Amino acid sequence: MGKKDFLDSIDKDKKRVDAAHGRKRGMWGYVATAGSIGWMVALPAFGGAYLGKHLDRMFGSRGYWTLSLMLLGLVAGLYWVWYISFRKNGGGL
């Protein structure tokens, strides 16, 4: 690969990246983002409830672990969404 081929390759990649940044997201892009956010919140909450139900059966408590771990999972999921969208991506989804 010569110098000219290398520079042409870089120019082609730059044009592709610039075109991708200028593209607007369609409705399905927003639906996919909303679905991803939903799963990021729901999975830890359901996982906490599942683990809590198991612990309640094991220790004979009446919903203490289920409720506590479900709320902890919900908080963890919300923190995860906040971290991904605002800390890591600089404020945008």
N, C-alpha and C. Protein backbone atom coordinates (compact mmCIF):
# COMPACT_ATOMS: atom_id res chain seq x y z
N MET A 1 0.85 -1.17 0.00
CA MET A 1 0.00 0.00 0.00
C MET A 1 0.89 1.23 0.00
N GLY A 2 0.66 2.06 -0.97
CA GLY A 2 1.45 3.27 -1.08
C GLY A 2 0.88 4.40 -0.25
N LYS A 3 1.63 5.49 -0.25
CA LYS A 3 1.22 6.65 0.53
C LYS A 3 -0.11 7.21 0.02
N LYS A 4 -0.27 7.25 -1.31
CA LYS A 4 -1.51 7.78 -1.89
C LYS A 4 -2.70 6.89 -1.52
N ASP A 5 -2.53 5.58 -1.59
CA ASP A 5 -3.61 4.66 -1.21
C ASP A 5 -3.99 4.81 0.26
N PHE A 6 -2.98 4.99 1.09
CA PHE A 6 -3.22 5.15 2.51
C PHE A 6 -4.02 6.43 2.79
N LEU A 7 -3.62 7.54 2.16
CA LEU A 7 -4.31 8.81 2.34
C LEU A 7 -5.74 8.75 1.78
N ASP A 8 -5.92 8.05 0.66
CA ASP A 8 -7.26 7.88 0.11
C ASP A 8 -8.15 7.06 1.06
N SER A 9 -7.56 6.06 1.67
CA SER A 9 -8.30 5.24 2.63
C SER A 9 -8.74 6.07 3.84
N ILE A 10 -7.84 6.90 4.34
CA ILE A 10 -8.17 7.76 5.48
C ILE A 10 -9.26 8.75 5.09
N ASP A 11 -9.16 9.33 3.90
CA ASP A 11 -10.16 10.30 3.44
C ASP A 11 -11.53 9.63 3.30
N LYS A 12 -11.55 8.42 2.78
CA LYS A 12 -12.81 7.68 2.62
C LYS A 12 -13.43 7.38 3.99
N ASP A 13 -12.61 6.97 4.96
CA ASP A 13 -13.12 6.69 6.30
C ASP A 13 -13.64 7.96 6.97
N LYS A 14 -12.94 9.07 6.75
CA LYS A 14 -13.37 10.34 7.34
C LYS A 14 -14.73 10.76 6.79
N LYS A 15 -14.93 10.59 5.50
CA LYS A 15 -16.22 10.92 4.89
C LYS A 15 -17.34 10.03 5.44
N ARG A 16 -17.03 8.76 5.66
CA ARG A 16 -18.02 7.83 6.19
C ARG A 16 -18.41 8.20 7.61
N VAL A 17 -17.42 8.57 8.43
CA VAL A 17 -17.70 8.96 9.81
C VAL A 17 -18.48 10.27 9.85
N ASP A 18 -18.10 11.23 9.01
CA ASP A 18 -18.83 12.50 8.97
C ASP A 18 -20.28 12.29 8.54
N ALA A 19 -20.52 11.41 7.58
CA ALA A 19 -21.88 11.12 7.13
C ALA A 19 -22.69 10.46 8.25
N ALA A 20 -22.06 9.59 9.03
CA ALA A 20 -22.76 8.92 10.13
C ALA A 20 -23.14 9.92 11.22
N HIS A 21 -22.30 10.91 11.47
CA HIS A 21 -22.61 11.91 12.49
C HIS A 21 -23.75 12.83 12.05
N GLY A 22 -23.89 13.05 10.76
CA GLY A 22 -24.94 13.93 10.26
C GLY A 22 -26.28 13.26 10.11
N ARG A 23 -26.33 11.95 10.20
CA ARG A 23 -27.57 11.21 10.03
C ARG A 23 -28.51 11.41 11.21
N LYS A 24 -29.77 11.56 10.92
CA LYS A 24 -30.76 11.67 11.98
C LYS A 24 -31.31 10.28 12.28
N ARG A 25 -31.66 10.08 13.55
CA ARG A 25 -32.24 8.80 13.95
C ARG A 25 -33.71 8.77 13.60
N GLY A 26 -34.15 7.66 13.11
CA GLY A 26 -35.56 7.48 12.80
C GLY A 26 -36.33 7.01 14.02
N MET A 27 -37.61 6.73 13.78
CA MET A 27 -38.47 6.28 14.86
C MET A 27 -37.95 4.98 15.47
N TRP A 28 -37.48 4.05 14.65
CA TRP A 28 -37.02 2.76 15.16
C TRP A 28 -35.75 2.89 15.99
N GLY A 29 -34.95 3.89 15.71
CA GLY A 29 -33.77 4.14 16.55
C GLY A 29 -34.17 4.54 17.95
N TYR A 30 -35.20 5.39 18.04
CA TYR A 30 -35.69 5.80 19.36
C TYR A 30 -36.40 4.65 20.08
N VAL A 31 -37.11 3.82 19.35
CA VAL A 31 -37.77 2.65 19.95
C VAL A 31 -36.71 1.69 20.51
N ALA A 32 -35.65 1.48 19.76
CA ALA A 32 -34.56 0.60 20.22
C ALA A 32 -33.90 1.17 21.47
N THR A 33 -33.69 2.48 21.50
CA THR A 33 -33.08 3.11 22.67
C THR A 33 -33.99 2.96 23.90
N ALA A 34 -35.28 3.21 23.71
CA ALA A 34 -36.22 3.08 24.83
C ALA A 34 -36.27 1.63 25.33
N GLY A 35 -36.24 0.67 24.41
CA GLY A 35 -36.23 -0.73 24.81
C GLY A 35 -34.98 -1.10 25.59
N SER A 36 -33.85 -0.57 25.16
CA SER A 36 -32.60 -0.84 25.87
C SER A 36 -32.63 -0.27 27.27
N ILE A 37 -33.14 0.94 27.40
CA ILE A 37 -33.23 1.56 28.72
C ILE A 37 -34.18 0.76 29.61
N GLY A 38 -35.28 0.31 29.04
CA GLY A 38 -36.22 -0.51 29.81
C GLY A 38 -35.59 -1.78 30.34
N TRP A 39 -34.83 -2.45 29.49
CA TRP A 39 -34.16 -3.68 29.93
C TRP A 39 -33.09 -3.39 30.98
N MET A 40 -32.40 -2.25 30.85
CA MET A 40 -31.37 -1.91 31.83
C MET A 40 -31.96 -1.66 33.21
N VAL A 41 -33.21 -1.23 33.28
CA VAL A 41 -33.86 -1.00 34.56
C VAL A 41 -34.57 -2.27 35.04
N ALA A 42 -35.22 -2.97 34.12
CA ALA A 42 -36.06 -4.12 34.50
C ALA A 42 -35.24 -5.33 34.94
N LEU A 43 -34.17 -5.63 34.24
CA LEU A 43 -33.40 -6.83 34.58
C LEU A 43 -32.85 -6.83 36.00
N PRO A 44 -32.19 -5.77 36.45
CA PRO A 44 -31.72 -5.80 37.85
C PRO A 44 -32.87 -5.86 38.86
N ALA A 45 -33.99 -5.19 38.56
CA ALA A 45 -35.12 -5.23 39.50
C ALA A 45 -35.70 -6.64 39.59
N PHE A 46 -35.93 -7.29 38.44
CA PHE A 46 -36.44 -8.66 38.46
C PHE A 46 -35.43 -9.64 39.03
N GLY A 47 -34.17 -9.42 38.76
CA GLY A 47 -33.14 -10.27 39.34
C GLY A 47 -33.11 -10.15 40.85
N GLY A 48 -33.24 -8.93 41.36
CA GLY A 48 -33.29 -8.74 42.81
C GLY A 48 -34.52 -9.38 43.43
N ALA A 49 -35.66 -9.27 42.74
CA ALA A 49 -36.89 -9.89 43.26
C ALA A 49 -36.76 -11.41 43.27
N TYR A 50 -36.16 -11.96 42.23
CA TYR A 50 -35.98 -13.42 42.16
C TYR A 50 -35.07 -13.91 43.28
N LEU A 51 -33.94 -13.23 43.46
CA LEU A 51 -33.02 -13.61 44.52
C LEU A 51 -33.67 -13.41 45.89
N GLY A 52 -34.40 -12.32 46.06
CA GLY A 52 -35.08 -12.05 47.33
C GLY A 52 -36.12 -13.09 47.66
N LYS A 53 -36.87 -13.54 46.65
CA LYS A 53 -37.88 -14.58 46.89
C LYS A 53 -37.21 -15.88 47.36
N HIS A 54 -36.08 -16.19 46.74
CA HIS A 54 -35.34 -17.38 47.15
C HIS A 54 -34.86 -17.23 48.60
N LEU A 55 -34.33 -16.07 48.95
CA LEU A 55 -33.86 -15.85 50.33
C LEU A 55 -35.02 -15.86 51.32
N ASP A 56 -36.17 -15.30 50.93
CA ASP A 56 -37.34 -15.34 51.82
C ASP A 56 -37.77 -16.77 52.11
N ARG A 57 -37.75 -17.62 51.09
CA ARG A 57 -38.11 -19.02 51.31
C ARG A 57 -37.08 -19.70 52.22
N MET A 58 -35.82 -19.39 52.00
CA MET A 58 -34.76 -20.04 52.76
C MET A 58 -34.78 -19.62 54.23
N PHE A 59 -35.02 -18.34 54.51
CA PHE A 59 -34.98 -17.85 55.89
C PHE A 59 -36.36 -17.75 56.53
N GLY A 60 -37.41 -18.01 55.78
CA GLY A 60 -38.75 -17.96 56.35
C GLY A 60 -39.28 -16.55 56.57
N SER A 61 -38.67 -15.56 55.99
CA SER A 61 -39.18 -14.20 56.14
C SER A 61 -40.34 -13.98 55.17
N ARG A 62 -41.12 -12.94 55.40
CA ARG A 62 -42.34 -12.74 54.63
C ARG A 62 -42.21 -11.54 53.70
N GLY A 63 -41.36 -11.62 52.72
CA GLY A 63 -41.25 -10.57 51.71
C GLY A 63 -40.19 -9.53 51.96
N TYR A 64 -39.50 -9.62 53.08
CA TYR A 64 -38.49 -8.61 53.39
C TYR A 64 -37.40 -8.58 52.33
N TRP A 65 -36.82 -9.73 52.05
CA TRP A 65 -35.72 -9.79 51.08
C TRP A 65 -36.21 -9.49 49.66
N THR A 66 -37.40 -9.95 49.33
CA THR A 66 -37.93 -9.71 47.99
C THR A 66 -38.06 -8.22 47.72
N LEU A 67 -38.70 -7.51 48.62
CA LEU A 67 -38.89 -6.08 48.44
C LEU A 67 -37.57 -5.32 48.50
N SER A 68 -36.73 -5.67 49.45
CA SER A 68 -35.46 -4.96 49.60
C SER A 68 -34.57 -5.13 48.37
N LEU A 69 -34.42 -6.36 47.91
CA LEU A 69 -33.53 -6.59 46.77
C LEU A 69 -34.14 -6.10 45.45
N MET A 70 -35.47 -6.10 45.36
CA MET A 70 -36.10 -5.55 44.17
C MET A 70 -35.85 -4.04 44.09
N LEU A 71 -35.99 -3.35 45.20
CA LEU A 71 -35.73 -1.91 45.22
C LEU A 71 -34.25 -1.62 44.98
N LEU A 72 -33.38 -2.44 45.55
CA LEU A 72 -31.95 -2.27 45.30
C LEU A 72 -31.64 -2.48 43.82
N GLY A 73 -32.26 -3.48 43.20
CA GLY A 73 -32.07 -3.71 41.77
C GLY A 73 -32.60 -2.56 40.93
N LEU A 74 -33.72 -1.98 41.33
CA LEU A 74 -34.27 -0.83 40.63
C LEU A 74 -33.33 0.36 40.70
N VAL A 75 -32.82 0.62 41.88
CA VAL A 75 -31.86 1.72 42.05
C VAL A 75 -30.60 1.46 41.24
N ALA A 76 -30.11 0.23 41.25
CA ALA A 76 -28.92 -0.11 40.47
C ALA A 76 -29.18 0.07 38.97
N GLY A 77 -30.36 -0.33 38.51
CA GLY A 77 -30.70 -0.16 37.10
C GLY A 77 -30.78 1.30 36.70
N LEU A 78 -31.40 2.12 37.54
CA LEU A 78 -31.48 3.55 37.25
C LEU A 78 -30.10 4.20 37.25
N TYR A 79 -29.25 3.78 38.19
CA TYR A 79 -27.88 4.29 38.20
C TYR A 79 -27.15 3.87 36.93
N TRP A 80 -27.37 2.66 36.49
CA TRP A 80 -26.73 2.16 35.27
C TRP A 80 -27.14 2.99 34.07
N VAL A 81 -28.43 3.30 33.95
CA VAL A 81 -28.91 4.14 32.84
C VAL A 81 -28.28 5.52 32.93
N TRP A 82 -28.25 6.09 34.12
CA TRP A 82 -27.65 7.42 34.29
C TRP A 82 -26.18 7.39 33.92
N TYR A 83 -25.45 6.39 34.36
CA TYR A 83 -24.03 6.31 34.08
C TYR A 83 -23.77 6.17 32.59
N ILE A 84 -24.50 5.28 31.93
CA ILE A 84 -24.30 5.05 30.50
C ILE A 84 -24.65 6.30 29.70
N SER A 85 -25.78 6.94 30.03
CA SER A 85 -26.24 8.04 29.19
C SER A 85 -25.57 9.37 29.51
N PHE A 86 -25.32 9.67 30.75
CA PHE A 86 -24.82 10.99 31.08
C PHE A 86 -23.33 11.04 31.39
N ARG A 87 -22.80 10.04 32.02
CA ARG A 87 -21.39 10.07 32.36
C ARG A 87 -20.53 9.61 31.20
N LYS A 88 -20.90 8.49 30.61
CA LYS A 88 -20.06 7.89 29.59
C LYS A 88 -20.23 8.56 28.22
N ASN A 89 -21.47 8.91 27.85
CA ASN A 89 -21.74 9.47 26.54
C ASN A 89 -21.80 11.00 26.54
N GLY A 90 -21.54 11.61 27.65
CA GLY A 90 -21.51 13.06 27.69
C GLY A 90 -22.88 13.72 27.66
N GLY A 91 -23.91 13.05 28.09
CA GLY A 91 -25.21 13.68 28.23
C GLY A 91 -26.25 13.27 27.23
N GLY A 92 -25.90 12.49 26.24
CA GLY A 92 -26.91 12.08 25.26
C GLY A 92 -27.02 10.60 25.15
N LEU A 93 -28.18 10.15 24.78
CA LEU A 93 -28.38 8.72 24.57
C LEU A 93 -28.04 8.47 23.17
